[in-house]
Amino acid sequence: MSGRPLDVLEASLEETVTVQLKDGEVYTGELAGYDQHMNLVIEDGEDTTIIRGDNVVTISP
């Protein structure tokens, strides 16, 4: 998958992604939403996590 970052996020909506943060923490779940600042909403079963975009190192679809 290649393209502009927001295009990649759009293509990954409702798909499982793995997000690595600057502090080394890793989240895996369904990408439920994002915004222009690359803030992410990740859902994993009953849990919903909102991740601030400036903490993200990688997003793997």
PDB file of N, CA and C in Angstrom:
ATOM      1  N   MET A   1       0.856  -1.170   0.000  1.00  0.00           N
ATOM      2  CA  MET A   1       0.000   0.000   0.000  1.00  0.00           C
ATOM      3  C   MET A   1       0.901   1.233   0.000  1.00  0.00           C
ATOM      4  N   SER A   2       0.655   2.165  -0.901  1.00  0.00           N
ATOM      5  CA  SER A   2       1.451   3.387  -0.912  1.00  0.00           C
ATOM      6  C   SER A   2       0.530   4.560  -1.211  1.00  0.00           C
ATOM      7  N   GLY A   3       1.055   5.738  -0.977  1.00  0.00           N
ATOM      8  CA  GLY A   3       0.271   6.937  -1.204  1.00  0.00           C
ATOM      9  C   GLY A   3       0.461   7.922  -0.076  1.00  0.00           C
ATOM     10  N   ARG A   4      -0.356   8.949  -0.088  1.00  0.00           N
ATOM     11  CA  ARG A   4      -0.295   9.948   0.978  1.00  0.00           C
ATOM     12  C   ARG A   4      -0.779   9.325   2.276  1.00  0.00           C
ATOM     13  N   PRO A   5      -0.227   9.759   3.403  1.00  0.00           N
ATOM     14  CA  PRO A   5      -0.576   9.129   4.683  1.00  0.00           C
ATOM     15  C   PRO A   5      -2.077   9.077   4.969  1.00  0.00           C
ATOM     16  N   LEU A   6      -2.799  10.157   4.717  1.00  0.00           N
ATOM     17  CA  LEU A   6      -4.234  10.142   5.001  1.00  0.00           C
ATOM     18  C   LEU A   6      -4.985   9.211   4.050  1.00  0.00           C
ATOM     19  N   ASP A   7      -4.473   9.041   2.826  1.00  0.00           N
ATOM     20  CA  ASP A   7      -5.083   8.086   1.888  1.00  0.00           C
ATOM     21  C   ASP A   7      -4.893   6.654   2.390  1.00  0.00           C
ATOM     22  N   VAL A   8      -3.721   6.379   2.944  1.00  0.00           N
ATOM     23  CA  VAL A   8      -3.455   5.049   3.489  1.00  0.00           C
ATOM     24  C   VAL A   8      -4.376   4.784   4.683  1.00  0.00           C
ATOM     25  N   LEU A   9      -4.537   5.789   5.557  1.00  0.00           N
ATOM     26  CA  LEU A   9      -5.448   5.623   6.689  1.00  0.00           C
ATOM     27  C   LEU A   9      -6.884   5.390   6.212  1.00  0.00           C
ATOM     28  N   GLU A  10      -7.310   6.133   5.212  1.00  0.00           N
ATOM     29  CA  GLU A  10      -8.665   5.962   4.671  1.00  0.00           C
ATOM     30  C   GLU A  10      -8.865   4.538   4.162  1.00  0.00           C
ATOM     31  N   ALA A  11      -7.867   4.009   3.471  1.00  0.00           N
ATOM     32  CA  ALA A  11      -7.955   2.645   2.948  1.00  0.00           C
ATOM     33  C   ALA A  11      -7.924   1.605   4.066  1.00  0.00           C
ATOM     34  N   SER A  12      -7.402   1.972   5.232  1.00  0.00           N
ATOM     35  CA  SER A  12      -7.275   1.042   6.355  1.00  0.00           C
ATOM     36  C   SER A  12      -8.441   1.114   7.335  1.00  0.00           C
ATOM     37  N   LEU A  13      -9.403   2.009   7.108  1.00  0.00           N
ATOM     38  CA  LEU A  13     -10.564   2.110   7.992  1.00  0.00           C
ATOM     39  C   LEU A  13     -11.286   0.778   8.069  1.00  0.00           C
ATOM     40  N   GLU A  14     -11.690   0.415   9.281  1.00  0.00           N
ATOM     41  CA  GLU A  14     -12.397  -0.832   9.564  1.00  0.00           C
ATOM     42  C   GLU A  14     -11.539  -2.063   9.306  1.00  0.00           C
ATOM     43  N   GLU A  15     -10.231  -1.875   9.190  1.00  0.00           N
ATOM     44  CA  GLU A  15      -9.287  -2.980   9.052  1.00  0.00           C
ATOM     45  C   GLU A  15      -8.453  -3.064  10.326  1.00  0.00           C
ATOM     46  N   THR A  16      -7.839  -4.208  10.569  1.00  0.00           N
ATOM     47  CA  THR A  16      -6.970  -4.367  11.725  1.00  0.00           C
ATOM     48  C   THR A  16      -5.624  -3.707  11.439  1.00  0.00           C
ATOM     49  N   VAL A  17      -5.178  -2.878  12.371  1.00  0.00           N
ATOM     50  CA  VAL A  17      -3.889  -2.210  12.261  1.00  0.00           C
ATOM     51  C   VAL A  17      -3.102  -2.401  13.562  1.00  0.00           C
ATOM     52  N   THR A  18      -1.798  -2.249  13.462  1.00  0.00           N
ATOM     53  CA  THR A  18      -0.917  -2.250  14.630  1.00  0.00           C
ATOM     54  C   THR A  18      -0.255  -0.888  14.692  1.00  0.00           C
ATOM     55  N   VAL A  19      -0.359  -0.229  15.850  1.00  0.00           N
ATOM     56  CA  VAL A  19       0.168   1.121  16.029  1.00  0.00           C
ATOM     57  C   VAL A  19       1.253   1.070  17.099  1.00  0.00           C
ATOM     58  N   GLN A  20       2.456   1.552  16.743  1.00  0.00           N
ATOM     59  CA  GLN A  20       3.546   1.630  17.712  1.00  0.00           C
ATOM     60  C   GLN A  20       3.734   3.086  18.118  1.00  0.00           C
ATOM     61  N   LEU A  21       3.845   3.316  19.429  1.00  0.00           N
ATOM     62  CA  LEU A  21       4.005   4.667  19.961  1.00  0.00           C
ATOM     63  C   LEU A  21       5.454   4.955  20.313  1.00  0.00           C
ATOM     64  N   LYS A  22       5.763   6.229  20.511  1.00  0.00           N
ATOM     65  CA  LYS A  22       7.118   6.662  20.853  1.00  0.00           C
ATOM     66  C   LYS A  22       7.656   5.978  22.098  1.00  0.00           C
ATOM     67  N   ASP A  23       6.778   5.699  23.079  1.00  0.00           N
ATOM     68  CA  ASP A  23       7.236   5.075  24.328  1.00  0.00           C
ATOM     69  C   ASP A  23       7.393   3.561  24.210  1.00  0.00           C
ATOM     70  N   GLY A  24       7.183   3.009  23.010  1.00  0.00           N
ATOM     71  CA  GLY A  24       7.352   1.588  22.774  1.00  0.00           C
ATOM     72  C   GLY A  24       6.074   0.781  22.918  1.00  0.00           C
ATOM     73  N   GLU A  25       5.025   1.388  23.423  1.00  0.00           N
ATOM     74  CA  GLU A  25       3.751   0.690  23.574  1.00  0.00           C
ATOM     75  C   GLU A  25       3.174   0.374  22.194  1.00  0.00           C
ATOM     76  N   VAL A  26       2.496  -0.766  22.088  1.00  0.00           N
ATOM     77  CA  VAL A  26       1.925  -1.205  20.814  1.00  0.00           C
ATOM     78  C   VAL A  26       0.440  -1.500  21.013  1.00  0.00           C
ATOM     79  N   TYR A  27      -0.385  -1.009  20.103  1.00  0.00           N
ATOM     80  CA  TYR A  27      -1.826  -1.258  20.116  1.00  0.00           C
ATOM     81  C   TYR A  27      -2.207  -1.960  18.820  1.00  0.00           C
ATOM     82  N   THR A  28      -3.046  -2.966  18.935  1.00  0.00           N
ATOM     83  CA  THR A  28      -3.573  -3.653  17.755  1.00  0.00           C
ATOM     84  C   THR A  28      -5.084  -3.671  17.867  1.00  0.00           C
ATOM     85  N   GLY A  29      -5.743  -3.328  16.781  1.00  0.00           N
ATOM     86  CA  GLY A  29      -7.192  -3.329  16.764  1.00  0.00           C
ATOM     87  C   GLY A  29      -7.702  -2.771  15.453  1.00  0.00           C
ATOM     88  N   GLU A  30      -9.008  -2.584  15.387  1.00  0.00           N
ATOM     89  CA  GLU A  30      -9.638  -2.059  14.174  1.00  0.00           C
ATOM     90  C   GLU A  30      -9.550  -0.542  14.164  1.00  0.00           C
ATOM     91  N   LEU A  31      -9.092   0.009  13.056  1.00  0.00           N
ATOM     92  CA  LEU A  31      -9.040   1.464  12.905  1.00  0.00           C
ATOM     93  C   LEU A  31     -10.467   1.963  12.674  1.00  0.00           C
ATOM     94  N   ALA A  32     -11.027   2.605  13.704  1.00  0.00           N
ATOM     95  CA  ALA A  32     -12.412   3.062  13.634  1.00  0.00           C
ATOM     96  C   ALA A  32     -12.526   4.496  13.139  1.00  0.00           C
ATOM     97  N   GLY A  33     -11.433   5.276  13.237  1.00  0.00           N
ATOM     98  CA  GLY A  33     -11.483   6.659  12.782  1.00  0.00           C
ATOM     99  C   GLY A  33     -10.139   7.341  12.929  1.00  0.00           C
ATOM    100  N   TYR A  34     -10.038   8.512  12.312  1.00  0.00           N
ATOM    101  CA  TYR A  34      -8.825   9.329  12.359  1.00  0.00           C
ATOM    102  C   TYR A  34      -9.213  10.746  11.962  1.00  0.00           C
ATOM    103  N   ASP A  35      -8.282  11.694  12.167  1.00  0.00           N
ATOM    104  CA  ASP A  35      -8.519  13.059  11.705  1.00  0.00           C
ATOM    105  C   ASP A  35      -7.290  13.590  10.984  1.00  0.00           C
ATOM    106  N   GLN A  36      -7.321  14.858  10.593  1.00  0.00           N
ATOM    107  CA  GLN A  36      -6.234  15.442   9.809  1.00  0.00           C
ATOM    108  C   GLN A  36      -4.922  15.535  10.583  1.00  0.00           C
ATOM    109  N   HIS A  37      -4.971  15.401  11.912  1.00  0.00           N
ATOM    110  CA  HIS A  37      -3.757  15.422  12.743  1.00  0.00           C
ATOM    111  C   HIS A  37      -3.231  14.008  12.981  1.00  0.00           C
ATOM    112  N   MET A  38      -3.860  13.025  12.351  1.00  0.00           N
ATOM    113  CA  MET A  38      -3.536  11.607  12.474  1.00  0.00           C
ATOM    114  C   MET A  38      -3.802  11.079  13.879  1.00  0.00           C
ATOM    115  N   ASN A  39      -4.706  11.755  14.630  1.00  0.00           N
ATOM    116  CA  ASN A  39      -5.216  11.163  15.861  1.00  0.00           C
ATOM    117  C   ASN A  39      -6.025   9.943  15.432  1.00  0.00           C
ATOM    118  N   LEU A  40      -5.903   8.853  16.177  1.00  0.00           N
ATOM    119  CA  LEU A  40      -6.505   7.591  15.775  1.00  0.00           C
ATOM    120  C   LEU A  40      -7.499   7.090  16.810  1.00  0.00           C
ATOM    121  N   VAL A  41      -8.524   6.417  16.344  1.00  0.00           N
ATOM    122  CA  VAL A  41      -9.449   5.703  17.216  1.00  0.00           C
ATOM    123  C   VAL A  41      -9.299   4.222  16.866  1.00  0.00           C
ATOM    124  N   ILE A  42      -8.856   3.439  17.860  1.00  0.00           N
ATOM    125  CA  ILE A  42      -8.626   2.014  17.680  1.00  0.00           C
ATOM    126  C   ILE A  42      -9.612   1.259  18.561  1.00  0.00           C
ATOM    127  N   GLU A  43     -10.333   0.318  17.981  1.00  0.00           N
ATOM    128  CA  GLU A  43     -11.276  -0.497  18.746  1.00  0.00           C
ATOM    129  C   GLU A  43     -10.775  -1.929  18.783  1.00  0.00           C
ATOM    130  N   ASP A  44     -10.810  -2.505  19.990  1.00  0.00           N
ATOM    131  CA  ASP A  44     -10.394  -3.891  20.189  1.00  0.00           C
ATOM    132  C   ASP A  44     -11.453  -4.546  21.055  1.00  0.00           C
ATOM    133  N   GLY A  45     -12.416  -5.176  20.411  1.00  0.00           N
ATOM    134  CA  GLY A  45     -13.532  -5.762  21.151  1.00  0.00           C
ATOM    135  C   GLY A  45     -14.363  -4.673  21.801  1.00  0.00           C
ATOM    136  N   GLU A  46     -14.471  -4.718  23.120  1.00  0.00           N
ATOM    137  CA  GLU A  46     -15.244  -3.728  23.875  1.00  0.00           C
ATOM    138  C   GLU A  46     -14.445  -2.453  24.154  1.00  0.00           C
ATOM    139  N   ASP A  47     -13.122  -2.509  23.976  1.00  0.00           N
ATOM    140  CA  ASP A  47     -12.254  -1.381  24.316  1.00  0.00           C
ATOM    141  C   ASP A  47     -12.079  -0.426  23.138  1.00  0.00           C
ATOM    142  N   THR A  48     -12.133   0.868  23.431  1.00  0.00           N
ATOM    143  CA  THR A  48     -11.857   1.905  22.441  1.00  0.00           C
ATOM    144  C   THR A  48     -10.714   2.758  22.960  1.00  0.00           C
ATOM    145  N   THR A  49      -9.683   2.941  22.129  1.00  0.00           N
ATOM    146  CA  THR A  49      -8.521   3.730  22.507  1.00  0.00           C
ATOM    147  C   THR A  49      -8.367   4.881  21.529  1.00  0.00           C
ATOM    148  N   ILE A  50      -8.167   6.077  22.064  1.00  0.00           N
ATOM    149  CA  ILE A  50      -7.892   7.251  21.234  1.00  0.00           C
ATOM    150  C   ILE A  50      -6.415   7.570  21.395  1.00  0.00           C
ATOM    151  N   ILE A  51      -5.707   7.628  20.278  1.00  0.00           N
ATOM    152  CA  ILE A  51      -4.267   7.856  20.294  1.00  0.00           C
ATOM    153  C   ILE A  51      -3.965   9.184  19.630  1.00  0.00           C
ATOM    154  N   ARG A  52      -3.254  10.040  20.345  1.00  0.00           N
ATOM    155  CA  ARG A  52      -2.862  11.332  19.798  1.00  0.00           C
ATOM    156  C   ARG A  52      -1.812  11.114  18.702  1.00  0.00           C
ATOM    157  N   GLY A  53      -2.011  11.760  17.574  1.00  0.00           N
ATOM    158  CA  GLY A  53      -1.173  11.543  16.404  1.00  0.00           C
ATOM    159  C   GLY A  53       0.299  11.815  16.597  1.00  0.00           C
ATOM    160  N   ASP A  54       0.665  12.775  17.472  1.00  0.00           N
ATOM    161  CA  ASP A  54       2.090  13.088  17.622  1.00  0.00           C
ATOM    162  C   ASP A  54       2.838  12.045  18.460  1.00  0.00           C
ATOM    163  N   ASN A  55       2.134  11.038  18.992  1.00  0.00           N
ATOM    164  CA  ASN A  55       2.781   9.950  19.730  1.00  0.00           C
ATOM    165  C   ASN A  55       3.047   8.727  18.838  1.00  0.00           C
ATOM    166  N   VAL A  56       2.527   8.729  17.624  1.00  0.00           N
ATOM    167  CA  VAL A  56       2.606   7.566  16.745  1.00  0.00           C
ATOM    168  C   VAL A  56       3.941   7.525  16.010  1.00  0.00           C
ATOM    169  N   VAL A  57       4.567   6.344  16.048  1.00  0.00           N
ATOM    170  CA  VAL A  57       5.803   6.116  15.281  1.00  0.00           C
ATOM    171  C   VAL A  57       5.471   5.395  13.989  1.00  0.00           C
ATOM    172  N   THR A  58       4.711   4.277  14.098  1.00  0.00           N
ATOM    173  CA  THR A  58       4.335   3.521  12.899  1.00  0.00           C
ATOM    174  C   THR A  58       2.887   3.043  13.000  1.00  0.00           C
ATOM    175  N   ILE A  59       2.278   2.893  11.838  1.00  0.00           N
ATOM    176  CA  ILE A  59       0.959   2.272  11.711  1.00  0.00           C
ATOM    177  C   ILE A  59       1.118   1.215  10.628  1.00  0.00           C
ATOM    178  N   SER A  60       0.883  -0.041  10.999  1.00  0.00           N
ATOM    179  CA  SER A  60       1.020  -1.140  10.046  1.00  0.00           C
ATOM    180  C   SER A  60      -0.345  -1.717   9.737  1.00  0.00           C
ATOM    181  N   PRO A  61      -0.791  -1.594   8.485  1.00  0.00           N
ATOM    182  CA  PRO A  61      -2.085  -2.171   8.106  1.00  0.00           C
ATOM    183  C   PRO A  61      -1.989  -3.684   7.966  1.00  0.00           C
TER     184      PRO A  61
END
